[in-house]
Amino acid sequence: MNFVVEFYRSRAATKAILDRVPLEAPNLRAALHGATALFHTLAMPQTPDRLRISDENGSELYAGPADGTYPKAG
């Protein structure tokens, strides 16, 4: 599947997108692992505190801490 990962900083009511990266992965969990790896390797102007993963149509599939903490099921 094709995903889009956005790294951003969230302050009060504003969000500053620091980078937007396309990512191909077989599923959301793999995309989250890929996003976590990107968090550690991309040179961004600031350190992001949040990330968002969307599908190729722009539907949000995950939004959470930039460290890629996967939400627990149940």
N, C-alpha and C. Protein backbone atom coordinates (compact mmCIF):
# COMPACT_ATOMS: atom_id res chain seq x y z
N MET A 1 0.84 -1.18 0.00
CA MET A 1 0.00 0.00 0.00
C MET A 1 0.88 1.24 0.00
N ASN A 2 0.35 2.29 -0.52
CA ASN A 2 1.04 3.57 -0.49
C ASN A 2 0.50 4.41 0.65
N PHE A 3 1.40 4.92 1.46
CA PHE A 3 1.06 5.77 2.60
C PHE A 3 1.76 7.11 2.46
N VAL A 4 1.29 8.09 3.20
CA VAL A 4 1.97 9.37 3.31
C VAL A 4 2.18 9.62 4.80
N VAL A 5 3.43 9.91 5.16
CA VAL A 5 3.77 10.18 6.55
C VAL A 5 4.05 11.67 6.69
N GLU A 6 3.40 12.30 7.63
CA GLU A 6 3.64 13.71 7.93
C GLU A 6 4.22 13.82 9.34
N PHE A 7 5.34 14.48 9.44
CA PHE A 7 5.94 14.77 10.74
C PHE A 7 5.63 16.22 11.06
N TYR A 8 5.14 16.49 12.27
CA TYR A 8 4.79 17.87 12.59
C TYR A 8 5.00 18.17 14.07
N ARG A 9 5.01 19.45 14.36
CA ARG A 9 5.05 19.95 15.73
C ARG A 9 3.69 20.53 16.04
N SER A 10 3.19 20.23 17.21
CA SER A 10 1.88 20.70 17.62
C SER A 10 2.05 21.66 18.79
N ARG A 11 1.62 22.88 18.60
CA ARG A 11 1.68 23.90 19.65
C ARG A 11 0.32 24.57 19.75
N ALA A 12 -0.30 24.46 20.91
CA ALA A 12 -1.62 25.05 21.15
C ALA A 12 -2.58 24.60 20.04
N ALA A 13 -3.10 25.53 19.26
CA ALA A 13 -4.08 25.19 18.22
C ALA A 13 -3.44 25.11 16.84
N THR A 14 -2.12 25.22 16.75
CA THR A 14 -1.47 25.21 15.44
C THR A 14 -0.63 23.96 15.25
N LYS A 15 -0.49 23.56 13.99
CA LYS A 15 0.35 22.44 13.61
C LYS A 15 1.30 22.90 12.52
N ALA A 16 2.57 22.67 12.72
CA ALA A 16 3.58 23.02 11.72
C ALA A 16 4.13 21.73 11.13
N ILE A 17 3.82 21.47 9.85
CA ILE A 17 4.33 20.28 9.19
C ILE A 17 5.80 20.49 8.87
N LEU A 18 6.63 19.57 9.34
CA LEU A 18 8.07 19.66 9.12
C LEU A 18 8.52 18.87 7.90
N ASP A 19 7.84 17.76 7.61
CA ASP A 19 8.18 16.97 6.44
C ASP A 19 7.01 16.07 6.08
N ARG A 20 6.87 15.79 4.80
CA ARG A 20 5.83 14.89 4.28
C ARG A 20 6.54 13.91 3.36
N VAL A 21 6.42 12.61 3.67
CA VAL A 21 7.20 11.59 2.97
C VAL A 21 6.28 10.48 2.49
N PRO A 22 6.37 10.10 1.19
CA PRO A 22 5.62 8.93 0.73
C PRO A 22 6.32 7.66 1.23
N LEU A 23 5.54 6.64 1.52
CA LEU A 23 6.10 5.40 2.06
C LEU A 23 5.27 4.23 1.53
N GLU A 24 5.94 3.21 1.06
CA GLU A 24 5.24 2.00 0.63
C GLU A 24 5.47 0.93 1.67
N ALA A 25 4.37 0.31 2.12
CA ALA A 25 4.44 -0.74 3.13
C ALA A 25 3.24 -1.67 2.95
N PRO A 26 3.34 -2.92 3.41
CA PRO A 26 2.23 -3.86 3.21
C PRO A 26 1.01 -3.58 4.08
N ASN A 27 1.20 -2.91 5.23
CA ASN A 27 0.07 -2.63 6.12
C ASN A 27 0.42 -1.44 7.02
N LEU A 28 -0.54 -1.03 7.83
CA LEU A 28 -0.35 0.14 8.69
C LEU A 28 0.76 -0.08 9.72
N ARG A 29 0.83 -1.25 10.30
CA ARG A 29 1.86 -1.52 11.31
C ARG A 29 3.25 -1.37 10.69
N ALA A 30 3.44 -1.91 9.50
CA ALA A 30 4.74 -1.78 8.81
C ALA A 30 5.02 -0.32 8.46
N ALA A 31 3.98 0.41 8.08
CA ALA A 31 4.15 1.84 7.78
C ALA A 31 4.57 2.60 9.03
N LEU A 32 4.01 2.24 10.17
CA LEU A 32 4.39 2.89 11.42
C LEU A 32 5.85 2.60 11.77
N HIS A 33 6.28 1.37 11.56
CA HIS A 33 7.69 1.03 11.80
C HIS A 33 8.59 1.82 10.85
N GLY A 34 8.17 1.93 9.59
CA GLY A 34 8.94 2.72 8.62
C GLY A 34 8.99 4.19 9.01
N ALA A 35 7.88 4.72 9.49
CA ALA A 35 7.84 6.12 9.91
C ALA A 35 8.75 6.35 11.10
N THR A 36 8.80 5.40 12.02
CA THR A 36 9.68 5.51 13.17
C THR A 36 11.14 5.53 12.73
N ALA A 37 11.48 4.69 11.76
CA ALA A 37 12.85 4.69 11.23
C ALA A 37 13.17 6.02 10.56
N LEU A 38 12.20 6.56 9.81
CA LEU A 38 12.40 7.86 9.17
C LEU A 38 12.60 8.97 10.20
N PHE A 39 11.88 8.89 11.30
CA PHE A 39 11.99 9.88 12.37
C PHE A 39 13.45 10.00 12.83
N HIS A 40 14.15 8.87 12.87
CA HIS A 40 15.53 8.86 13.35
C HIS A 40 16.55 9.19 12.28
N THR A 41 16.16 9.15 10.99
CA THR A 41 17.15 9.36 9.93
C THR A 41 16.96 10.64 9.12
N LEU A 42 15.76 11.19 9.09
CA LEU A 42 15.54 12.40 8.30
C LEU A 42 16.13 13.63 8.99
N ALA A 43 16.68 14.52 8.20
CA ALA A 43 17.19 15.79 8.73
C ALA A 43 16.07 16.81 8.58
N MET A 44 15.42 17.12 9.70
CA MET A 44 14.31 18.07 9.69
C MET A 44 14.75 19.34 10.42
N PRO A 45 14.15 20.48 10.10
CA PRO A 45 14.56 21.74 10.72
C PRO A 45 14.32 21.79 12.23
N GLN A 46 13.35 21.02 12.71
CA GLN A 46 13.05 20.91 14.14
C GLN A 46 12.72 19.45 14.42
N THR A 47 12.70 19.09 15.67
CA THR A 47 12.33 17.73 16.05
C THR A 47 10.81 17.65 16.16
N PRO A 48 10.19 16.79 15.36
CA PRO A 48 8.72 16.67 15.43
C PRO A 48 8.30 15.99 16.73
N ASP A 49 7.10 16.33 17.19
CA ASP A 49 6.57 15.64 18.36
C ASP A 49 5.38 14.75 18.01
N ARG A 50 4.87 14.89 16.79
CA ARG A 50 3.73 14.09 16.35
C ARG A 50 3.96 13.60 14.92
N LEU A 51 3.25 12.54 14.55
CA LEU A 51 3.24 12.11 13.16
C LEU A 51 1.84 11.66 12.80
N ARG A 52 1.57 11.71 11.51
CA ARG A 52 0.28 11.30 10.98
C ARG A 52 0.57 10.41 9.77
N ILE A 53 -0.16 9.30 9.67
CA ILE A 53 -0.05 8.42 8.52
C ILE A 53 -1.41 8.41 7.83
N SER A 54 -1.39 8.69 6.53
CA SER A 54 -2.61 8.70 5.72
C SER A 54 -2.45 7.71 4.58
N ASP A 55 -3.59 7.27 4.04
CA ASP A 55 -3.51 6.44 2.84
C ASP A 55 -3.36 7.34 1.63
N GLU A 56 -3.26 6.75 0.46
CA GLU A 56 -3.02 7.54 -0.75
C GLU A 56 -4.19 8.46 -1.11
N ASN A 57 -5.36 8.24 -0.50
CA ASN A 57 -6.51 9.10 -0.73
C ASN A 57 -6.62 10.23 0.29
N GLY A 58 -5.69 10.26 1.25
CA GLY A 58 -5.68 11.31 2.25
C GLY A 58 -6.45 10.98 3.52
N SER A 59 -6.98 9.77 3.63
CA SER A 59 -7.70 9.37 4.84
C SER A 59 -6.70 9.08 5.95
N GLU A 60 -6.88 9.72 7.10
CA GLU A 60 -5.98 9.52 8.22
C GLU A 60 -6.16 8.13 8.82
N LEU A 61 -5.06 7.39 8.95
CA LEU A 61 -5.09 6.05 9.51
C LEU A 61 -4.46 5.99 10.89
N TYR A 62 -3.54 6.90 11.16
CA TYR A 62 -2.87 6.95 12.46
C TYR A 62 -2.43 8.38 12.71
N ALA A 63 -2.57 8.82 13.93
CA ALA A 63 -2.01 10.10 14.39
C ALA A 63 -1.58 9.87 15.82
N GLY A 64 -0.33 10.19 16.10
CA GLY A 64 0.15 9.96 17.45
C GLY A 64 1.55 10.49 17.66
N PRO A 65 2.17 10.06 18.73
CA PRO A 65 3.51 10.54 19.05
C PRO A 65 4.51 10.22 17.95
N ALA A 66 5.47 11.08 17.76
CA ALA A 66 6.47 10.90 16.71
C ALA A 66 7.35 9.69 16.94
N ASP A 67 7.36 9.16 18.17
CA ASP A 67 8.18 7.97 18.42
C ASP A 67 7.52 6.71 17.88
N GLY A 68 6.31 6.85 17.31
CA GLY A 68 5.64 5.72 16.65
C GLY A 68 4.97 4.75 17.58
N THR A 69 4.61 5.16 18.76
CA THR A 69 3.92 4.28 19.70
C THR A 69 2.62 3.79 19.06
N TYR A 70 2.52 2.50 18.86
CA TYR A 70 1.35 1.95 18.19
C TYR A 70 0.20 1.82 19.20
N PRO A 71 -1.00 2.26 18.80
CA PRO A 71 -2.14 2.16 19.74
C PRO A 71 -2.45 0.71 20.09
N LYS A 72 -2.75 0.46 21.33
CA LYS A 72 -3.07 -0.89 21.76
C LYS A 72 -4.50 -1.25 21.35
N ALA A 73 -4.68 -2.47 20.88
CA ALA A 73 -6.00 -2.94 20.47
C ALA A 73 -6.84 -3.25 21.71
N GLY A 74 -8.15 -3.05 21.57
CA GLY A 74 -9.07 -3.43 22.60
C GLY A 74 -9.25 -2.39 23.59
